[in-house]
Amino acid sequence: MSDPTSTILVVEDDDIVRMLIVDVLEELEYIVLEAADGSEALAFLKDSGNVIDLMMTDKGLPDMDGTELAKQAAVLRPTLPVLFASGYAENIDVPPGMHLIGKPFSIDQLRDKVNGILGK
């Protein structure tokens, strides 16, 4: 009947922020994979057994910039949409085909943004 549930990879180095995002997405019935930095995210991306429909990443990560992570993700998974989350949204150049949500964002903003990207 309905689409199978989409899987979102959340990359956020702040444990509390990541937990809140994961809670919201799981409440929206998405499957969520969690990574605290770019290296963990790349491990998920390199494992072809992981279905990932969207990667949501913080712009500032401890081991690499979110943009660099997105570039590496695009090599591994060329069709993967990327959503950047940043407290400095107005200062970010978002690569073509990628999306941006400014922090702080509301649950409704996150839901609408994710659903819009995934065509739900």
N, C-alpha and C. Protein backbone atom coordinates (compact mmCIF):
# COMPACT_ATOMS: atom_id res chain seq x y z
N MET A 1 0.83 -1.19 0.00
CA MET A 1 0.00 0.00 0.00
C MET A 1 0.88 1.26 0.00
N SER A 2 1.45 1.60 1.15
CA SER A 2 2.29 2.80 1.20
C SER A 2 3.73 2.41 0.88
N ASP A 3 4.52 3.44 0.63
CA ASP A 3 5.93 3.22 0.34
C ASP A 3 6.62 2.56 1.52
N PRO A 4 7.64 1.75 1.25
CA PRO A 4 8.43 1.26 2.38
C PRO A 4 9.05 2.47 3.09
N THR A 5 9.29 2.31 4.35
CA THR A 5 9.83 3.41 5.14
C THR A 5 11.21 3.81 4.63
N SER A 6 11.45 5.10 4.56
CA SER A 6 12.74 5.61 4.11
C SER A 6 13.74 5.59 5.26
N THR A 7 15.01 5.45 4.89
CA THR A 7 16.09 5.44 5.87
C THR A 7 16.90 6.72 5.74
N ILE A 8 17.13 7.36 6.88
CA ILE A 8 17.88 8.61 6.91
C ILE A 8 19.14 8.42 7.75
N LEU A 9 20.26 8.82 7.19
CA LEU A 9 21.53 8.82 7.92
C LEU A 9 21.71 10.21 8.53
N VAL A 10 21.73 10.28 9.86
CA VAL A 10 21.90 11.55 10.56
C VAL A 10 23.34 11.66 11.05
N VAL A 11 24.04 12.70 10.60
CA VAL A 11 25.44 12.93 10.98
C VAL A 11 25.50 14.22 11.79
N GLU A 12 25.73 14.07 13.09
CA GLU A 12 25.72 15.23 14.01
C GLU A 12 26.64 14.91 15.17
N ASP A 13 27.62 15.80 15.43
CA ASP A 13 28.59 15.50 16.48
C ASP A 13 28.07 15.84 17.88
N ASP A 14 27.04 16.67 17.98
CA ASP A 14 26.47 16.99 19.29
C ASP A 14 25.46 15.90 19.67
N ASP A 15 25.79 15.14 20.71
CA ASP A 15 24.96 13.98 21.09
C ASP A 15 23.51 14.35 21.35
N ILE A 16 23.29 15.47 22.03
CA ILE A 16 21.93 15.86 22.40
C ILE A 16 21.15 16.27 21.16
N VAL A 17 21.76 17.06 20.30
CA VAL A 17 21.10 17.49 19.06
C VAL A 17 20.79 16.27 18.20
N ARG A 18 21.77 15.36 18.09
CA ARG A 18 21.55 14.15 17.28
C ARG A 18 20.39 13.33 17.85
N MET A 19 20.35 13.19 19.17
CA MET A 19 19.28 12.41 19.80
C MET A 19 17.91 13.04 19.50
N LEU A 20 17.83 14.35 19.58
CA LEU A 20 16.56 15.03 19.31
C LEU A 20 16.12 14.83 17.85
N ILE A 21 17.06 14.99 16.92
CA ILE A 21 16.74 14.79 15.50
C ILE A 21 16.28 13.36 15.25
N VAL A 22 17.01 12.41 15.82
CA VAL A 22 16.66 10.99 15.66
C VAL A 22 15.27 10.72 16.22
N ASP A 23 14.99 11.26 17.41
CA ASP A 23 13.67 11.05 18.02
C ASP A 23 12.55 11.57 17.11
N VAL A 24 12.74 12.77 16.57
CA VAL A 24 11.72 13.36 15.70
C VAL A 24 11.52 12.50 14.45
N LEU A 25 12.64 12.11 13.82
CA LEU A 25 12.54 11.33 12.58
C LEU A 25 11.91 9.96 12.83
N GLU A 26 12.26 9.34 13.97
CA GLU A 26 11.66 8.03 14.28
C GLU A 26 10.17 8.18 14.57
N GLU A 27 9.79 9.29 15.19
CA GLU A 27 8.37 9.54 15.43
C GLU A 27 7.62 9.70 14.11
N LEU A 28 8.31 10.21 13.10
CA LEU A 28 7.73 10.35 11.76
C LEU A 28 7.81 9.03 10.98
N GLU A 29 8.25 7.98 11.66
CA GLU A 29 8.32 6.62 11.13
C GLU A 29 9.39 6.41 10.08
N TYR A 30 10.46 7.20 10.17
CA TYR A 30 11.63 6.94 9.35
C TYR A 30 12.55 5.99 10.12
N ILE A 31 13.33 5.22 9.36
CA ILE A 31 14.40 4.42 9.96
C ILE A 31 15.62 5.34 10.00
N VAL A 32 16.33 5.36 11.13
CA VAL A 32 17.43 6.32 11.28
C VAL A 32 18.74 5.60 11.61
N LEU A 33 19.78 5.95 10.87
CA LEU A 33 21.14 5.52 11.18
C LEU A 33 21.85 6.74 11.77
N GLU A 34 22.66 6.53 12.81
CA GLU A 34 23.30 7.65 13.48
C GLU A 34 24.82 7.60 13.32
N ALA A 35 25.40 8.76 13.04
CA ALA A 35 26.85 8.88 12.99
C ALA A 35 27.26 10.16 13.71
N ALA A 36 28.32 10.08 14.51
CA ALA A 36 28.79 11.24 15.27
C ALA A 36 29.80 12.07 14.49
N ASP A 37 30.32 11.53 13.39
CA ASP A 37 31.30 12.28 12.59
C ASP A 37 31.33 11.73 11.17
N GLY A 38 32.15 12.36 10.35
CA GLY A 38 32.23 11.97 8.94
C GLY A 38 32.71 10.55 8.73
N SER A 39 33.66 10.11 9.55
CA SER A 39 34.19 8.75 9.39
C SER A 39 33.10 7.69 9.62
N GLU A 40 32.31 7.89 10.68
CA GLU A 40 31.21 6.95 10.94
C GLU A 40 30.20 6.98 9.79
N ALA A 41 29.92 8.17 9.30
CA ALA A 41 28.97 8.31 8.19
C ALA A 41 29.47 7.57 6.95
N LEU A 42 30.76 7.74 6.65
CA LEU A 42 31.32 7.08 5.46
C LEU A 42 31.28 5.56 5.60
N ALA A 43 31.44 5.06 6.82
CA ALA A 43 31.35 3.61 7.02
C ALA A 43 29.95 3.11 6.64
N PHE A 44 28.92 3.85 7.03
CA PHE A 44 27.55 3.49 6.62
C PHE A 44 27.39 3.57 5.11
N LEU A 45 27.94 4.63 4.52
CA LEU A 45 27.78 4.85 3.08
C LEU A 45 28.52 3.80 2.25
N LYS A 46 29.66 3.34 2.76
CA LYS A 46 30.45 2.35 2.02
C LYS A 46 29.86 0.95 2.10
N ASP A 47 29.01 0.70 3.08
CA ASP A 47 28.40 -0.62 3.25
C ASP A 47 27.17 -0.70 2.35
N SER A 48 27.31 -1.42 1.25
CA SER A 48 26.22 -1.48 0.28
C SER A 48 24.98 -2.18 0.83
N GLY A 49 25.12 -2.83 1.98
CA GLY A 49 23.97 -3.45 2.63
C GLY A 49 23.04 -2.43 3.28
N ASN A 50 23.52 -1.21 3.45
CA ASN A 50 22.69 -0.16 4.05
C ASN A 50 21.89 0.57 2.98
N VAL A 51 20.59 0.54 3.13
CA VAL A 51 19.74 1.37 2.28
C VAL A 51 19.70 2.74 2.93
N ILE A 52 20.06 3.77 2.20
CA ILE A 52 20.02 5.14 2.73
C ILE A 52 19.32 6.01 1.69
N ASP A 53 18.23 6.66 2.12
CA ASP A 53 17.44 7.47 1.20
C ASP A 53 17.77 8.96 1.30
N LEU A 54 18.39 9.35 2.43
CA LEU A 54 18.73 10.75 2.65
C LEU A 54 19.83 10.81 3.69
N MET A 55 20.81 11.69 3.47
CA MET A 55 21.80 11.95 4.51
C MET A 55 21.58 13.37 5.02
N MET A 56 21.37 13.48 6.33
CA MET A 56 21.24 14.79 6.97
C MET A 56 22.51 15.01 7.78
N THR A 57 23.26 16.04 7.45
CA THR A 57 24.54 16.25 8.12
C THR A 57 24.70 17.66 8.64
N ASP A 58 25.36 17.75 9.78
CA ASP A 58 25.77 19.03 10.32
C ASP A 58 26.86 19.57 9.40
N LYS A 59 26.95 20.88 9.31
CA LYS A 59 27.99 21.47 8.47
C LYS A 59 29.36 21.35 9.13
N GLY A 60 29.39 21.58 10.44
CA GLY A 60 30.67 21.52 11.14
C GLY A 60 30.82 20.21 11.89
N LEU A 61 31.67 19.33 11.40
CA LEU A 61 31.93 18.04 12.05
C LEU A 61 33.36 18.04 12.56
N PRO A 62 33.66 17.24 13.58
CA PRO A 62 35.01 17.29 14.17
C PRO A 62 36.11 16.81 13.23
N ASP A 63 35.80 15.87 12.34
CA ASP A 63 36.88 15.30 11.52
C ASP A 63 36.89 15.78 10.08
N MET A 64 35.78 16.32 9.60
CA MET A 64 35.75 16.87 8.24
C MET A 64 34.57 17.80 8.12
N ASP A 65 34.63 18.69 7.17
CA ASP A 65 33.54 19.61 6.91
C ASP A 65 32.37 18.83 6.31
N GLY A 66 31.15 19.25 6.63
CA GLY A 66 29.97 18.58 6.08
C GLY A 66 29.94 18.59 4.55
N THR A 67 30.48 19.66 3.96
CA THR A 67 30.54 19.73 2.50
C THR A 67 31.47 18.67 1.94
N GLU A 68 32.60 18.46 2.61
CA GLU A 68 33.55 17.42 2.19
C GLU A 68 32.90 16.04 2.31
N LEU A 69 32.17 15.83 3.40
CA LEU A 69 31.46 14.57 3.57
C LEU A 69 30.45 14.37 2.44
N ALA A 70 29.74 15.42 2.10
CA ALA A 70 28.75 15.34 1.01
C ALA A 70 29.41 15.00 -0.32
N LYS A 71 30.60 15.58 -0.56
CA LYS A 71 31.34 15.26 -1.80
C LYS A 71 31.72 13.79 -1.85
N GLN A 72 32.22 13.27 -0.71
CA GLN A 72 32.60 11.86 -0.68
C GLN A 72 31.36 10.97 -0.80
N ALA A 73 30.25 11.40 -0.19
CA ALA A 73 29.00 10.64 -0.28
C ALA A 73 28.52 10.58 -1.73
N ALA A 74 28.70 11.70 -2.46
CA ALA A 74 28.25 11.76 -3.85
C ALA A 74 29.03 10.79 -4.74
N VAL A 75 30.30 10.56 -4.39
CA VAL A 75 31.10 9.59 -5.14
C VAL A 75 30.59 8.17 -4.87
N LEU A 76 30.30 7.90 -3.58
CA LEU A 76 29.85 6.56 -3.19
C LEU A 76 28.41 6.28 -3.62
N ARG A 77 27.58 7.29 -3.50
CA ARG A 77 26.14 7.15 -3.79
C ARG A 77 25.68 8.40 -4.53
N PRO A 78 25.86 8.40 -5.86
CA PRO A 78 25.62 9.61 -6.65
C PRO A 78 24.18 10.16 -6.56
N THR A 79 23.22 9.31 -6.29
CA THR A 79 21.83 9.80 -6.27
C THR A 79 21.33 10.16 -4.87
N LEU A 80 22.20 10.06 -3.86
CA LEU A 80 21.77 10.29 -2.48
C LEU A 80 21.52 11.79 -2.23
N PRO A 81 20.30 12.16 -1.83
CA PRO A 81 20.08 13.56 -1.46
C PRO A 81 20.76 13.86 -0.12
N VAL A 82 21.23 15.11 0.00
CA VAL A 82 21.91 15.54 1.22
C VAL A 82 21.20 16.78 1.76
N LEU A 83 20.93 16.75 3.08
CA LEU A 83 20.34 17.89 3.76
C LEU A 83 21.35 18.40 4.79
N PHE A 84 21.82 19.63 4.60
CA PHE A 84 22.73 20.24 5.57
C PHE A 84 21.91 20.92 6.66
N ALA A 85 22.35 20.75 7.91
CA ALA A 85 21.75 21.48 9.02
C ALA A 85 22.83 22.39 9.57
N SER A 86 22.52 23.68 9.69
CA SER A 86 23.54 24.60 10.16
C SER A 86 22.93 25.77 10.91
N GLY A 87 23.63 26.18 11.94
CA GLY A 87 23.25 27.39 12.65
C GLY A 87 23.67 28.64 11.91
N TYR A 88 24.41 28.46 10.82
CA TYR A 88 24.88 29.59 10.02
C TYR A 88 24.36 29.46 8.60
N ALA A 89 23.08 29.14 8.48
CA ALA A 89 22.49 28.79 7.18
C ALA A 89 22.71 29.86 6.12
N GLU A 90 22.64 31.14 6.54
CA GLU A 90 22.75 32.21 5.55
C GLU A 90 24.16 32.35 5.00
N ASN A 91 25.14 31.73 5.66
CA ASN A 91 26.53 31.85 5.21
C ASN A 91 27.02 30.63 4.43
N ILE A 92 26.11 29.75 4.09
CA ILE A 92 26.55 28.50 3.46
C ILE A 92 26.22 28.49 1.98
N ASP A 93 27.19 28.10 1.19
CA ASP A 93 26.92 27.81 -0.22
C ASP A 93 26.57 26.34 -0.30
N VAL A 94 25.33 26.06 -0.65
CA VAL A 94 24.89 24.67 -0.74
C VAL A 94 25.17 24.18 -2.15
N PRO A 95 25.90 23.07 -2.26
CA PRO A 95 26.17 22.53 -3.60
C PRO A 95 24.86 22.24 -4.34
N PRO A 96 24.89 22.32 -5.66
CA PRO A 96 23.67 22.07 -6.45
C PRO A 96 23.08 20.69 -6.11
N GLY A 97 21.78 20.64 -6.04
CA GLY A 97 21.10 19.38 -5.78
C GLY A 97 21.07 19.00 -4.32
N MET A 98 21.62 19.85 -3.45
CA MET A 98 21.61 19.57 -2.03
C MET A 98 20.71 20.57 -1.32
N HIS A 99 20.35 20.28 -0.09
CA HIS A 99 19.35 21.05 0.61
C HIS A 99 19.91 21.58 1.92
N LEU A 100 19.20 22.56 2.51
CA LEU A 100 19.68 23.21 3.72
C LEU A 100 18.52 23.49 4.66
N ILE A 101 18.73 23.26 5.94
CA ILE A 101 17.79 23.68 6.96
C ILE A 101 18.59 24.40 8.03
N GLY A 102 18.10 25.56 8.46
CA GLY A 102 18.82 26.35 9.43
C GLY A 102 18.50 25.90 10.86
N LYS A 103 19.52 25.89 11.70
CA LYS A 103 19.31 25.58 13.13
C LYS A 103 19.12 26.90 13.86
N PRO A 104 18.27 26.98 14.87
CA PRO A 104 17.42 25.87 15.31
C PRO A 104 16.21 25.74 14.39
N PHE A 105 15.73 24.52 14.23
CA PHE A 105 14.54 24.30 13.41
C PHE A 105 13.49 23.62 14.27
N SER A 106 12.23 23.83 13.89
CA SER A 106 11.14 23.20 14.63
C SER A 106 10.92 21.78 14.11
N ILE A 107 10.18 21.02 14.87
CA ILE A 107 9.81 19.67 14.43
C ILE A 107 9.07 19.75 13.11
N ASP A 108 8.15 20.70 13.00
CA ASP A 108 7.38 20.84 11.76
C ASP A 108 8.27 21.20 10.58
N GLN A 109 9.23 22.10 10.80
CA GLN A 109 10.15 22.47 9.71
C GLN A 109 10.95 21.26 9.25
N LEU A 110 11.45 20.48 10.22
CA LEU A 110 12.23 19.29 9.88
C LEU A 110 11.37 18.29 9.12
N ARG A 111 10.18 18.04 9.62
CA ARG A 111 9.27 17.11 8.95
C ARG A 111 8.99 17.56 7.51
N ASP A 112 8.63 18.82 7.34
CA ASP A 112 8.28 19.31 6.02
C ASP A 112 9.46 19.25 5.06
N LYS A 113 10.65 19.59 5.57
CA LYS A 113 11.86 19.58 4.74
C LYS A 113 12.18 18.15 4.28
N VAL A 114 12.20 17.22 5.24
CA VAL A 114 12.54 15.82 4.93
C VAL A 114 11.49 15.22 4.00
N ASN A 115 10.22 15.43 4.33
CA ASN A 115 9.16 14.88 3.48
C ASN A 115 9.22 15.47 2.08
N GLY A 116 9.56 16.77 1.99
CA GLY A 116 9.68 17.41 0.68
C GLY A 116 10.80 16.81 -0.15
N ILE A 117 11.94 16.58 0.48
CA ILE A 117 13.09 16.01 -0.23
C ILE A 117 12.79 14.60 -0.69
N LEU A 118 12.13 13.84 0.18
CA LEU A 118 11.85 12.43 -0.13
C LEU A 118 10.54 12.24 -0.91
N GLY A 119 9.88 13.34 -1.19
CA GLY A 119 8.65 13.27 -1.99
C GLY A 119 7.51 12.57 -1.26
N LYS A 120 7.41 12.77 0.04
CA LYS A 120 6.34 12.13 0.82
C LYS A 120 5.18 13.09 0.99
